[in-house]
N, C-alpha and C. Protein backbone atom coordinates (compact mmCIF):
# COMPACT_ATOMS: atom_id res chain seq x y z
N MET A 1 -16.18 -68.38 6.95
CA MET A 1 -15.64 -67.78 8.14
C MET A 1 -14.27 -68.42 8.41
N THR A 2 -13.31 -67.56 8.66
CA THR A 2 -11.96 -68.06 8.91
C THR A 2 -11.85 -68.58 10.35
N THR A 3 -10.76 -69.24 10.62
CA THR A 3 -10.52 -69.78 11.95
C THR A 3 -10.39 -68.65 12.97
N LEU A 4 -9.75 -67.55 12.57
CA LEU A 4 -9.60 -66.41 13.47
C LEU A 4 -10.96 -65.80 13.80
N GLN A 5 -11.83 -65.66 12.80
CA GLN A 5 -13.17 -65.12 13.05
C GLN A 5 -13.97 -66.03 13.97
N ALA A 6 -13.86 -67.32 13.76
CA ALA A 6 -14.55 -68.27 14.62
C ALA A 6 -14.04 -68.19 16.06
N ALA A 7 -12.74 -68.03 16.23
CA ALA A 7 -12.16 -67.92 17.56
C ALA A 7 -12.62 -66.63 18.25
N ILE A 8 -12.66 -65.54 17.48
CA ILE A 8 -13.11 -64.26 18.04
C ILE A 8 -14.58 -64.36 18.46
N ARG A 9 -15.39 -64.98 17.62
CA ARG A 9 -16.80 -65.15 17.95
C ARG A 9 -16.95 -66.00 19.21
N LEU A 10 -16.18 -67.05 19.33
CA LEU A 10 -16.26 -67.93 20.50
C LEU A 10 -15.85 -67.18 21.77
N VAL A 11 -14.79 -66.41 21.69
CA VAL A 11 -14.34 -65.63 22.85
C VAL A 11 -15.39 -64.59 23.22
N GLY A 12 -15.97 -63.93 22.22
CA GLY A 12 -17.02 -62.94 22.48
C GLY A 12 -18.23 -63.56 23.15
N LEU A 13 -18.66 -64.71 22.66
CA LEU A 13 -19.79 -65.40 23.27
C LEU A 13 -19.47 -65.83 24.70
N ALA A 14 -18.27 -66.32 24.91
CA ALA A 14 -17.87 -66.72 26.26
C ALA A 14 -17.88 -65.51 27.19
N LEU A 15 -17.45 -64.36 26.71
CA LEU A 15 -17.45 -63.15 27.52
C LEU A 15 -18.87 -62.72 27.87
N VAL A 16 -19.76 -62.71 26.89
CA VAL A 16 -21.15 -62.31 27.14
C VAL A 16 -21.82 -63.27 28.12
N PHE A 17 -21.70 -64.57 27.86
CA PHE A 17 -22.33 -65.53 28.76
C PHE A 17 -21.68 -65.54 30.13
N GLY A 18 -20.40 -65.25 30.20
CA GLY A 18 -19.73 -65.12 31.49
C GLY A 18 -20.27 -63.96 32.29
N MET A 19 -20.50 -62.83 31.63
CA MET A 19 -21.07 -61.67 32.32
C MET A 19 -22.49 -61.95 32.80
N VAL A 20 -23.26 -62.62 31.95
CA VAL A 20 -24.62 -62.98 32.35
C VAL A 20 -24.59 -63.90 33.56
N ALA A 21 -23.68 -64.85 33.56
CA ALA A 21 -23.57 -65.78 34.69
C ALA A 21 -23.16 -65.06 35.97
N VAL A 22 -22.23 -64.11 35.88
CA VAL A 22 -21.79 -63.37 37.06
C VAL A 22 -22.95 -62.56 37.64
N VAL A 23 -23.70 -61.89 36.78
CA VAL A 23 -24.84 -61.09 37.26
C VAL A 23 -25.91 -62.01 37.84
N ALA A 24 -26.22 -63.11 37.17
CA ALA A 24 -27.23 -64.04 37.68
C ALA A 24 -26.83 -64.61 39.04
N LEU A 25 -25.58 -65.01 39.18
CA LEU A 25 -25.11 -65.53 40.47
C LEU A 25 -25.15 -64.46 41.55
N GLY A 26 -24.79 -63.24 41.19
CA GLY A 26 -24.85 -62.15 42.16
C GLY A 26 -26.27 -61.88 42.62
N MET A 27 -27.23 -61.98 41.70
CA MET A 27 -28.62 -61.79 42.07
C MET A 27 -29.11 -62.93 42.96
N LEU A 28 -28.71 -64.16 42.64
CA LEU A 28 -29.13 -65.31 43.43
C LEU A 28 -28.51 -65.30 44.83
N LYS A 29 -27.24 -64.90 44.93
CA LYS A 29 -26.55 -64.87 46.22
C LYS A 29 -26.94 -63.67 47.06
N GLY A 30 -27.51 -62.65 46.43
CA GLY A 30 -27.92 -61.47 47.17
C GLY A 30 -26.89 -60.36 47.19
N THR A 31 -25.77 -60.53 46.50
CA THR A 31 -24.77 -59.46 46.46
C THR A 31 -25.21 -58.33 45.52
N ILE A 32 -26.10 -58.64 44.59
CA ILE A 32 -26.73 -57.61 43.76
C ILE A 32 -28.16 -57.48 44.28
N ASN A 33 -28.47 -56.34 44.86
CA ASN A 33 -29.76 -56.13 45.50
C ASN A 33 -30.84 -55.88 44.45
N THR A 34 -31.84 -56.75 44.40
CA THR A 34 -32.96 -56.57 43.49
C THR A 34 -34.27 -56.36 44.25
N ARG A 35 -34.18 -56.18 45.55
CA ARG A 35 -35.38 -55.97 46.35
C ARG A 35 -36.04 -54.64 45.94
N GLY A 36 -37.29 -54.72 45.61
CA GLY A 36 -38.03 -53.53 45.24
C GLY A 36 -37.84 -53.10 43.80
N LEU A 37 -37.18 -53.91 43.00
CA LEU A 37 -36.91 -53.55 41.61
C LEU A 37 -38.20 -53.33 40.83
N LEU A 38 -39.21 -54.13 41.09
CA LEU A 38 -40.46 -54.03 40.35
C LEU A 38 -41.59 -53.47 41.20
N SER A 39 -41.28 -52.87 42.33
CA SER A 39 -42.29 -52.33 43.24
C SER A 39 -42.41 -50.83 43.09
N GLU A 40 -43.61 -50.35 43.38
CA GLU A 40 -43.81 -48.90 43.43
C GLU A 40 -43.21 -48.38 44.72
N LYS A 41 -42.60 -47.23 44.65
CA LYS A 41 -41.96 -46.64 45.82
C LYS A 41 -42.91 -45.61 46.42
N ARG A 42 -43.83 -46.06 47.27
CA ARG A 42 -44.80 -45.17 47.92
C ARG A 42 -44.67 -45.32 49.43
N GLY A 43 -43.90 -44.50 50.02
CA GLY A 43 -43.75 -44.55 51.47
C GLY A 43 -42.88 -45.71 51.91
N ALA A 44 -42.75 -45.85 53.21
CA ALA A 44 -41.87 -46.87 53.76
C ALA A 44 -42.50 -48.25 53.78
N THR A 45 -43.85 -48.31 53.82
CA THR A 45 -44.50 -49.61 53.98
C THR A 45 -45.19 -50.10 52.72
N SER A 46 -45.56 -49.24 51.82
CA SER A 46 -46.31 -49.65 50.64
C SER A 46 -45.37 -50.19 49.57
N ARG A 47 -45.46 -51.47 49.28
CA ARG A 47 -44.61 -52.13 48.29
C ARG A 47 -45.45 -53.01 47.40
N ARG A 48 -46.22 -52.42 46.50
CA ARG A 48 -47.00 -53.24 45.59
C ARG A 48 -46.34 -53.27 44.22
N MET A 49 -46.67 -54.28 43.45
CA MET A 49 -46.08 -54.49 42.14
C MET A 49 -46.45 -53.33 41.21
N SER A 50 -45.48 -52.83 40.48
CA SER A 50 -45.69 -51.73 39.55
C SER A 50 -45.81 -52.28 38.13
N PRO A 51 -46.99 -52.20 37.51
CA PRO A 51 -47.14 -52.71 36.14
C PRO A 51 -46.27 -51.96 35.14
N THR A 52 -46.03 -50.68 35.37
CA THR A 52 -45.20 -49.92 34.43
C THR A 52 -43.75 -50.38 34.48
N ARG A 53 -43.27 -50.71 35.67
CA ARG A 53 -41.89 -51.21 35.78
C ARG A 53 -41.76 -52.59 35.16
N VAL A 54 -42.78 -53.43 35.32
CA VAL A 54 -42.75 -54.77 34.75
C VAL A 54 -42.71 -54.69 33.23
N GLN A 55 -43.59 -53.87 32.63
CA GLN A 55 -43.61 -53.78 31.17
C GLN A 55 -42.33 -53.16 30.64
N LEU A 56 -41.74 -52.22 31.36
CA LEU A 56 -40.47 -51.63 30.93
C LEU A 56 -39.35 -52.68 30.96
N LEU A 57 -39.31 -53.47 32.02
CA LEU A 57 -38.30 -54.52 32.11
C LEU A 57 -38.47 -55.56 31.00
N LEU A 58 -39.71 -55.99 30.76
CA LEU A 58 -39.95 -57.00 29.73
C LEU A 58 -39.62 -56.48 28.33
N ALA A 59 -39.98 -55.24 28.04
CA ALA A 59 -39.67 -54.67 26.73
C ALA A 59 -38.16 -54.53 26.54
N THR A 60 -37.46 -54.11 27.58
CA THR A 60 -36.01 -53.96 27.50
C THR A 60 -35.33 -55.31 27.31
N LEU A 61 -35.77 -56.31 28.07
CA LEU A 61 -35.18 -57.64 27.93
C LEU A 61 -35.47 -58.24 26.56
N ALA A 62 -36.67 -58.02 26.03
CA ALA A 62 -37.00 -58.55 24.70
C ALA A 62 -36.14 -57.90 23.63
N ALA A 63 -35.97 -56.58 23.69
CA ALA A 63 -35.15 -55.90 22.69
C ALA A 63 -33.68 -56.30 22.83
N ALA A 64 -33.21 -56.44 24.06
CA ALA A 64 -31.81 -56.86 24.28
C ALA A 64 -31.59 -58.27 23.76
N THR A 65 -32.55 -59.15 23.96
CA THR A 65 -32.45 -60.51 23.46
C THR A 65 -32.41 -60.52 21.93
N ALA A 66 -33.26 -59.72 21.31
CA ALA A 66 -33.26 -59.64 19.84
C ALA A 66 -31.93 -59.11 19.33
N TYR A 67 -31.37 -58.12 20.00
CA TYR A 67 -30.10 -57.54 19.56
C TYR A 67 -28.96 -58.54 19.72
N VAL A 68 -28.91 -59.22 20.85
CA VAL A 68 -27.84 -60.19 21.09
C VAL A 68 -27.95 -61.35 20.10
N SER A 69 -29.18 -61.79 19.82
CA SER A 69 -29.32 -62.89 18.86
C SER A 69 -28.88 -62.46 17.47
N GLN A 70 -29.12 -61.20 17.10
CA GLN A 70 -28.62 -60.70 15.82
C GLN A 70 -27.10 -60.62 15.84
N ALA A 71 -26.54 -60.20 16.96
CA ALA A 71 -25.08 -60.08 17.05
C ALA A 71 -24.41 -61.44 16.95
N VAL A 72 -25.04 -62.45 17.52
CA VAL A 72 -24.46 -63.79 17.50
C VAL A 72 -24.51 -64.39 16.10
N THR A 73 -25.58 -64.12 15.38
CA THR A 73 -25.77 -64.75 14.07
C THR A 73 -25.31 -63.90 12.89
N THR A 74 -24.75 -62.74 13.15
CA THR A 74 -24.35 -61.86 12.05
C THR A 74 -23.16 -62.43 11.28
N THR A 75 -23.15 -62.14 10.01
CA THR A 75 -22.01 -62.53 9.18
C THR A 75 -21.24 -61.30 8.70
N ASP A 76 -21.74 -60.11 9.07
CA ASP A 76 -21.11 -58.87 8.66
C ASP A 76 -20.13 -58.42 9.74
N TRP A 77 -18.89 -58.88 9.62
CA TRP A 77 -17.88 -58.54 10.60
C TRP A 77 -17.44 -57.11 10.39
N GLY A 78 -17.27 -56.38 11.46
CA GLY A 78 -16.83 -54.99 11.37
C GLY A 78 -17.95 -53.99 11.59
N HIS A 79 -19.18 -54.47 11.69
CA HIS A 79 -20.32 -53.59 11.94
C HIS A 79 -21.20 -54.19 13.03
N LEU A 80 -21.73 -53.30 13.85
CA LEU A 80 -22.68 -53.76 14.85
C LEU A 80 -24.01 -54.04 14.17
N PRO A 81 -24.77 -54.99 14.65
CA PRO A 81 -26.08 -55.24 14.04
C PRO A 81 -27.02 -54.07 14.29
N THR A 82 -27.94 -53.88 13.36
CA THR A 82 -28.92 -52.80 13.53
C THR A 82 -30.19 -53.39 14.12
N LEU A 83 -30.75 -52.69 15.04
CA LEU A 83 -32.01 -53.09 15.65
C LEU A 83 -33.13 -52.46 14.84
N SER A 84 -34.14 -53.21 14.52
CA SER A 84 -35.21 -52.72 13.67
C SER A 84 -35.95 -51.57 14.34
N GLY A 85 -36.60 -50.77 13.51
CA GLY A 85 -37.37 -49.65 14.03
C GLY A 85 -38.50 -50.08 14.93
N GLY A 86 -39.02 -51.28 14.69
CA GLY A 86 -40.09 -51.79 15.55
C GLY A 86 -39.64 -51.99 16.98
N TRP A 87 -38.43 -52.54 17.15
CA TRP A 87 -37.91 -52.73 18.50
C TRP A 87 -37.61 -51.39 19.16
N LEU A 88 -37.07 -50.45 18.39
CA LEU A 88 -36.80 -49.13 18.95
C LEU A 88 -38.09 -48.44 19.37
N ALA A 89 -39.14 -48.58 18.54
CA ALA A 89 -40.43 -47.99 18.89
C ALA A 89 -41.02 -48.67 20.13
N ALA A 90 -40.85 -49.98 20.23
CA ALA A 90 -41.38 -50.70 21.40
C ALA A 90 -40.69 -50.26 22.68
N VAL A 91 -39.38 -50.15 22.65
CA VAL A 91 -38.65 -49.72 23.85
C VAL A 91 -38.94 -48.25 24.15
N GLY A 92 -38.99 -47.42 23.12
CA GLY A 92 -39.32 -46.01 23.33
C GLY A 92 -40.73 -45.84 23.87
N GLY A 93 -41.68 -46.57 23.31
CA GLY A 93 -43.05 -46.52 23.81
C GLY A 93 -43.15 -47.03 25.24
N SER A 94 -42.40 -48.06 25.55
CA SER A 94 -42.39 -48.61 26.90
C SER A 94 -41.85 -47.58 27.89
N ASN A 95 -40.80 -46.89 27.51
CA ASN A 95 -40.26 -45.82 28.37
C ASN A 95 -41.27 -44.69 28.52
N GLY A 96 -41.98 -44.38 27.43
CA GLY A 96 -43.01 -43.35 27.50
C GLY A 96 -44.14 -43.73 28.44
N VAL A 97 -44.56 -45.00 28.39
CA VAL A 97 -45.61 -45.48 29.31
C VAL A 97 -45.12 -45.39 30.75
N TYR A 98 -43.88 -45.79 30.98
CA TYR A 98 -43.32 -45.73 32.33
C TYR A 98 -43.29 -44.28 32.84
N LEU A 99 -42.79 -43.37 32.01
CA LEU A 99 -42.71 -41.97 32.43
C LEU A 99 -44.10 -41.36 32.63
N ALA A 100 -45.05 -41.72 31.77
CA ALA A 100 -46.42 -41.22 31.95
C ALA A 100 -47.00 -41.72 33.27
N GLY A 101 -46.72 -42.97 33.60
CA GLY A 101 -47.17 -43.50 34.89
C GLY A 101 -46.55 -42.76 36.05
N LYS A 102 -45.28 -42.40 35.92
CA LYS A 102 -44.61 -41.63 36.98
C LYS A 102 -45.24 -40.25 37.13
N VAL A 103 -45.56 -39.61 36.01
CA VAL A 103 -46.17 -38.27 36.05
C VAL A 103 -47.55 -38.34 36.70
N VAL A 104 -48.36 -39.32 36.29
CA VAL A 104 -49.70 -39.47 36.87
C VAL A 104 -49.60 -39.72 38.37
N THR A 105 -48.70 -40.59 38.78
CA THR A 105 -48.52 -40.88 40.19
C THR A 105 -48.07 -39.65 40.96
N ALA A 106 -47.17 -38.87 40.38
CA ALA A 106 -46.68 -37.66 41.05
C ALA A 106 -47.80 -36.65 41.22
N PHE A 107 -48.62 -36.46 40.18
CA PHE A 107 -49.73 -35.52 40.29
C PHE A 107 -50.78 -36.01 41.29
N ARG A 108 -51.03 -37.31 41.31
CA ARG A 108 -52.00 -37.87 42.26
C ARG A 108 -51.51 -37.69 43.68
N ASP A 109 -50.23 -37.96 43.92
CA ASP A 109 -49.68 -37.81 45.27
C ASP A 109 -49.66 -36.35 45.69
N ARG A 110 -49.37 -35.47 44.74
CA ARG A 110 -49.36 -34.05 45.05
C ARG A 110 -50.74 -33.54 45.40
N ALA A 111 -51.75 -34.03 44.68
CA ALA A 111 -53.13 -33.63 44.96
C ALA A 111 -53.56 -34.13 46.34
N LYS A 112 -53.12 -35.33 46.73
CA LYS A 112 -53.47 -35.87 48.03
C LYS A 112 -52.85 -35.07 49.16
N THR A 113 -51.61 -34.61 48.97
CA THR A 113 -50.94 -33.85 50.04
C THR A 113 -51.53 -32.46 50.18
N ARG A 114 -52.13 -31.94 49.13
CA ARG A 114 -52.76 -30.62 49.19
C ARG A 114 -54.21 -30.69 49.67
N GLY A 115 -54.68 -31.92 49.84
CA GLY A 115 -56.04 -32.08 50.33
C GLY A 115 -57.07 -32.09 49.22
N GLY A 116 -56.61 -32.27 47.97
CA GLY A 116 -57.53 -32.21 46.84
C GLY A 116 -57.95 -33.53 46.45
């Protein structure tokens, strides 16, 4: 690796970690609102933890971590790293589970409002 490539990698890492730090600080200070991020949205008072949202967040964070770690350790300059099909299937399946949960909840709420 040349000195220029090392400098570019260092600047890129500093940029990524800087963005992570800005978002983390914003979440801690409250300027980025995360209230209700993992809660089900059922009426004004019902705020219970949503398992589908939790699994979607965890799957997304795991895949993002795998991608960033590949990007940091890559030696193939000029190409973005490829994410394995397993990670794509995991994130796609996670989104499918989340959407299925939304559909089931919508049908259940609709049946309740109709008196069924």
